[in-house]
Amino acid sequence: MAYVIVLLGTVIRNNLQKYYTIGYADRQERTIVVSGQGKVTATPDIAITDMGLTSDAATVSEAQKKNTDTMNQVIAKLKTLGIADKDIKTASYNIYPQYDYTDKGSVLKGYQVSQSLEIKIRDLTKANEVLALAGEFNLNNVSGLQFTIDDKEVYVAEARQMAIQKVAQKAKDLSQALGVKIVAIVSYNEYSNDTATPMYYGMGGLADSAKAVMPAPQVQAGSNDVVLNVDVTFEIR
């Protein structure tokens, strides 16, 4: 009987211990988080810009014809500059009714058609000639010239290696300073910063005569920083 009582007590005690520890880790890990940043400066090898035209007319078909005639000429000229078909993409095409608003209400006065092209320029020496098309064809929607890197992963990998080397050195220094031993990696996280800055050219609102004499703008690609931040959580003892 005494044996049975002790056995039941032991079982009850063990079950209570399991109950009170449900949802808790077996042990609390001791960790430190070490961060490092890698930065690689690279020269952009492509430029991207949006160029388009907004046309007004009494009917949709008239507005479309005015817009299409000009934009087809722009596309043909882009190809003569060496821009490939794959690098010319229709970014938007919109048709809107236009109204005059009076005391008696709104009166339809015509339609507006707008079309925009996204153009990728791989030969950066042609960037100024592409922008000059805005003046040549009286384009009134030009938004942004952004220099970027086509194959950024090469530079991301280099920045990652730099960041990890910094993390490894910091972890070594901290373990010595704190008198602890690094035994395992608990987690790894990385995130990048895109520092490419677009340049904006607003062509709308210029008189036709001003557009006609506008020279090709001189543009400079400069450089872009490819930045990667790394956070590593280490278990220590």
Protein backbone atom coordinates (compact mmCIF):
# COMPACT_ATOMS: atom_id res chain seq x y z
CA MET A 1 0.00 0.00 0.00
CA ALA A 2 2.84 2.37 0.88
CA TYR A 3 4.50 1.58 -2.46
CA VAL A 4 1.29 2.35 -4.37
CA ILE A 5 0.88 5.65 -2.54
CA VAL A 6 4.47 6.71 -3.38
CA LEU A 7 4.02 5.65 -7.01
CA LEU A 8 0.80 7.61 -7.41
CA GLY A 9 2.38 10.65 -5.81
CA THR A 10 5.32 10.48 -8.20
CA VAL A 11 3.04 10.19 -11.25
CA ILE A 12 0.89 13.10 -10.10
CA ARG A 13 3.97 15.25 -9.45
CA ASN A 14 5.45 14.51 -12.87
CA ASN A 15 2.16 15.25 -14.61
CA LEU A 16 1.86 18.55 -12.78
CA GLN A 17 5.40 19.50 -13.82
CA LYS A 18 4.59 18.73 -17.47
CA TYR A 19 1.35 20.74 -17.21
CA TYR A 20 3.04 23.84 -15.84
CA THR A 21 5.78 23.78 -18.50
CA ILE A 22 3.52 23.40 -21.56
CA GLY A 23 4.39 26.10 -24.09
CA TYR A 24 7.80 26.81 -22.61
CA ALA A 25 11.15 25.98 -24.21
CA ASP A 26 13.26 23.35 -22.53
CA ARG A 27 15.78 26.04 -21.75
CA GLN A 28 16.21 29.73 -22.39
CA GLU A 29 18.82 30.30 -25.08
CA ARG A 30 21.40 32.98 -24.48
CA THR A 31 21.97 34.89 -27.71
CA ILE A 32 23.60 37.97 -29.17
CA VAL A 33 22.74 39.70 -32.44
CA VAL A 34 25.60 40.93 -34.61
CA SER A 35 25.06 43.22 -37.61
CA GLY A 36 27.25 44.04 -40.58
CA GLN A 37 26.92 46.06 -43.75
CA GLY A 38 28.52 45.58 -47.14
CA LYS A 39 28.58 48.35 -49.73
CA VAL A 40 29.78 48.10 -53.32
CA THR A 41 29.90 51.12 -55.61
CA ALA A 42 29.03 50.23 -59.20
CA THR A 43 28.63 52.14 -62.43
CA PRO A 44 25.07 51.90 -63.83
CA ASP A 45 24.85 50.12 -67.17
CA ILE A 46 21.24 50.87 -68.18
CA ALA A 47 18.85 53.82 -68.03
CA ILE A 48 15.06 53.68 -67.90
CA THR A 49 12.69 56.50 -68.82
CA ASP A 50 8.97 57.00 -69.54
CA MET A 51 7.98 59.12 -72.55
CA GLY A 52 4.53 59.74 -73.95
CA LEU A 53 1.98 62.02 -75.52
CA THR A 54 -1.46 63.30 -74.59
CA SER A 55 -3.70 64.32 -77.53
CA ASP A 56 -7.08 66.07 -77.58
CA ALA A 57 -9.72 65.92 -80.31
CA ALA A 58 -13.46 66.13 -80.83
CA THR A 59 -13.83 62.36 -81.21
CA VAL A 60 -12.06 59.32 -79.86
CA SER A 61 -10.93 58.23 -83.33
CA GLU A 62 -9.43 61.64 -84.10
CA ALA A 63 -7.59 61.74 -80.78
CA GLN A 64 -6.33 58.20 -81.29
CA LYS A 65 -5.08 58.98 -84.78
CA LYS A 66 -3.20 62.08 -83.65
CA ASN A 67 -1.63 60.16 -80.78
CA THR A 68 -0.87 56.98 -82.72
CA ASP A 69 0.75 58.79 -85.68
CA THR A 70 3.21 60.55 -83.40
CA MET A 71 3.95 57.63 -81.08
CA ASN A 72 4.59 55.29 -84.03
CA GLN A 73 7.14 57.78 -85.31
CA VAL A 74 8.76 57.89 -81.87
CA ILE A 75 9.01 54.08 -81.77
CA ALA A 76 10.52 54.00 -85.26
CA LYS A 77 13.09 56.63 -84.25
CA LEU A 78 13.95 54.71 -81.07
CA LYS A 79 14.76 51.67 -83.19
CA THR A 80 17.09 53.73 -85.39
CA LEU A 81 18.93 54.67 -82.18
CA GLY A 82 19.51 50.98 -81.47
CA ILE A 83 16.75 50.46 -78.90
CA ALA A 84 15.54 46.86 -79.26
CA ASP A 85 11.88 45.85 -79.41
CA LYS A 86 12.18 44.10 -76.03
CA ASP A 87 13.28 47.38 -74.45
CA ILE A 88 10.26 49.40 -75.66
CA LYS A 89 7.12 48.68 -73.64
CA THR A 90 3.74 50.39 -73.60
CA ALA A 91 3.45 51.51 -69.99
CA SER A 92 -0.04 53.02 -70.25
CA TYR A 93 -2.83 53.81 -72.74
CA ASN A 94 -5.84 55.83 -71.60
CA ILE A 95 -8.92 57.49 -73.13
CA TYR A 96 -10.82 60.12 -71.18
CA PRO A 97 -13.86 62.26 -72.05
CA GLN A 98 -13.36 66.01 -71.65
CA TYR A 99 -16.10 68.30 -70.40
CA ASP A 100 -16.86 72.00 -70.15
CA TYR A 101 -18.59 72.84 -66.90
CA THR A 102 -21.25 75.56 -66.96
CA ASP A 103 -24.05 76.74 -64.73
CA LYS A 104 -26.38 74.42 -66.63
CA GLY A 105 -24.17 71.38 -66.11
CA SER A 106 -21.37 69.60 -67.96
CA VAL A 107 -21.07 69.57 -71.74
CA LEU A 108 -18.95 67.03 -73.59
CA LYS A 109 -16.32 68.88 -75.60
CA GLY A 110 -14.14 66.01 -76.81
CA TYR A 111 -11.78 63.25 -75.81
CA GLN A 112 -8.24 62.90 -74.59
CA VAL A 113 -5.96 59.99 -75.49
CA SER A 114 -2.67 59.42 -73.72
CA GLN A 115 0.00 56.80 -74.37
CA SER A 116 3.26 56.26 -72.50
CA LEU A 117 6.30 54.14 -73.35
CA GLU A 118 8.79 52.67 -70.90
CA ILE A 119 12.17 52.71 -72.62
CA LYS A 120 15.22 50.82 -71.45
CA ILE A 121 18.46 52.31 -72.76
CA ARG A 122 21.36 49.87 -72.71
CA ASP A 123 23.82 52.09 -74.56
CA LEU A 124 24.10 55.03 -72.16
CA THR A 125 25.77 57.19 -74.81
CA LYS A 126 22.33 57.26 -76.48
CA ALA A 127 20.47 58.53 -73.40
CA ASN A 128 20.66 62.20 -74.40
CA GLU A 129 19.43 61.39 -77.93
CA VAL A 130 16.46 59.49 -76.53
CA LEU A 131 15.51 62.42 -74.31
CA ALA A 132 15.85 64.78 -77.26
CA LEU A 133 12.94 62.97 -78.94
CA ALA A 134 10.62 64.81 -76.53
CA GLY A 135 11.42 68.07 -78.28
CA GLU A 136 11.56 66.57 -81.76
CA PHE A 137 8.07 65.05 -81.54
CA ASN A 138 6.49 67.52 -79.08
CA LEU A 139 5.99 64.87 -76.43
CA ASN A 140 4.35 66.33 -73.34
CA ASN A 141 4.75 63.47 -70.84
CA VAL A 142 8.33 62.64 -69.83
CA SER A 143 8.72 61.30 -66.31
CA GLY A 144 11.99 60.10 -64.94
CA LEU A 145 15.37 58.97 -66.12
CA GLN A 146 16.71 56.36 -63.72
CA PHE A 147 20.16 54.88 -63.98
CA THR A 148 20.40 51.37 -62.61
CA ILE A 149 22.32 48.11 -62.85
CA ASP A 150 20.97 45.35 -65.06
CA ASP A 151 22.58 42.38 -63.26
CA LYS A 152 22.64 43.62 -59.68
CA GLU A 153 23.03 40.15 -58.13
CA VAL A 154 26.74 40.13 -58.92
CA TYR A 155 27.23 43.20 -56.74
CA VAL A 156 24.75 41.98 -54.10
CA ALA A 157 26.83 38.81 -53.69
CA GLU A 158 29.98 40.89 -53.25
CA ALA A 159 28.26 43.14 -50.69
CA ARG A 160 26.96 40.05 -48.85
CA GLN A 161 30.46 38.62 -48.56
CA MET A 162 31.74 41.90 -47.15
CA ALA A 163 28.88 42.07 -44.61
CA ILE A 164 29.38 38.48 -43.45
CA GLN A 165 33.11 39.04 -42.98
CA LYS A 166 32.31 42.05 -40.77
CA VAL A 167 29.81 40.01 -38.77
CA ALA A 168 32.34 37.21 -38.26
CA GLN A 169 34.99 39.64 -37.02
CA LYS A 170 32.53 41.41 -34.71
CA ALA A 171 31.32 38.10 -33.29
CA LYS A 172 34.90 37.05 -32.59
CA ASP A 173 35.70 40.34 -30.88
CA LEU A 174 32.51 40.25 -28.79
CA SER A 175 33.05 36.67 -27.65
CA GLN A 176 36.51 37.59 -26.40
CA ALA A 177 35.34 40.83 -24.76
CA LEU A 178 32.36 39.20 -23.07
CA GLY A 179 34.12 35.99 -22.15
CA VAL A 180 31.60 33.77 -23.91
CA LYS A 181 31.76 31.09 -26.56
CA ILE A 182 29.74 31.17 -29.77
CA VAL A 183 28.27 27.71 -30.30
CA ALA A 184 25.66 28.05 -33.08
CA ILE A 185 23.81 30.34 -35.48
CA VAL A 186 20.19 30.78 -34.42
CA SER A 187 18.97 32.98 -37.29
CA TYR A 188 20.16 34.94 -40.33
CA ASN A 189 18.51 37.94 -41.97
CA GLU A 190 19.55 40.27 -44.77
CA TYR A 191 18.00 43.30 -46.43
CA SER A 192 19.19 45.74 -49.06
CA ASN A 193 19.00 49.47 -49.65
CA ASP A 194 18.42 50.70 -53.18
CA THR A 195 20.11 54.07 -53.55
CA ALA A 196 19.40 54.58 -57.24
CA THR A 197 18.02 58.11 -57.68
CA PRO A 198 15.73 58.94 -60.60
CA MET A 199 16.18 62.17 -62.53
CA TYR A 200 12.98 63.90 -63.65
CA TYR A 201 12.44 65.90 -66.80
CA GLY A 202 9.08 67.68 -67.05
CA MET A 203 8.32 68.53 -70.65
CA GLY A 204 4.66 69.53 -70.25
CA GLY A 205 3.68 73.18 -70.50
CA LEU A 206 6.46 74.26 -72.90
CA ALA A 207 5.54 76.13 -76.03
CA ASP A 208 6.00 74.23 -79.28
CA SER A 209 8.66 76.67 -80.44
CA ALA A 210 10.65 76.16 -77.24
CA LYS A 211 10.47 72.39 -77.66
CA ALA A 212 11.64 72.59 -81.24
CA VAL A 213 14.89 74.37 -80.36
CA MET A 214 15.60 72.44 -77.18
CA PRO A 215 19.05 70.82 -77.43
CA ALA A 216 19.73 67.25 -76.36
CA PRO A 217 20.29 67.35 -72.59
CA GLN A 218 23.63 66.17 -71.29
CA VAL A 219 23.12 63.35 -68.78
CA GLN A 220 25.61 61.66 -66.48
CA ALA A 221 25.15 58.13 -65.14
CA GLY A 222 27.28 58.68 -62.04
CA SER A 223 27.43 55.68 -59.70
CA ASN A 224 25.07 53.58 -57.58
CA ASP A 225 25.76 52.04 -54.19
CA VAL A 226 24.61 48.46 -53.73
CA VAL A 227 24.14 48.05 -49.98
CA LEU A 228 23.32 44.86 -48.10
CA ASN A 229 22.71 44.67 -44.35
CA VAL A 230 23.12 41.37 -42.51
CA ASP A 231 21.86 40.45 -39.02
CA VAL A 232 23.02 37.17 -37.45
CA THR A 233 21.78 35.84 -34.12
CA PHE A 234 24.33 33.61 -32.34
CA GLU A 235 23.80 31.26 -29.43
CA ILE A 236 26.44 31.75 -26.76
CA ARG A 237 27.66 29.91 -23.68
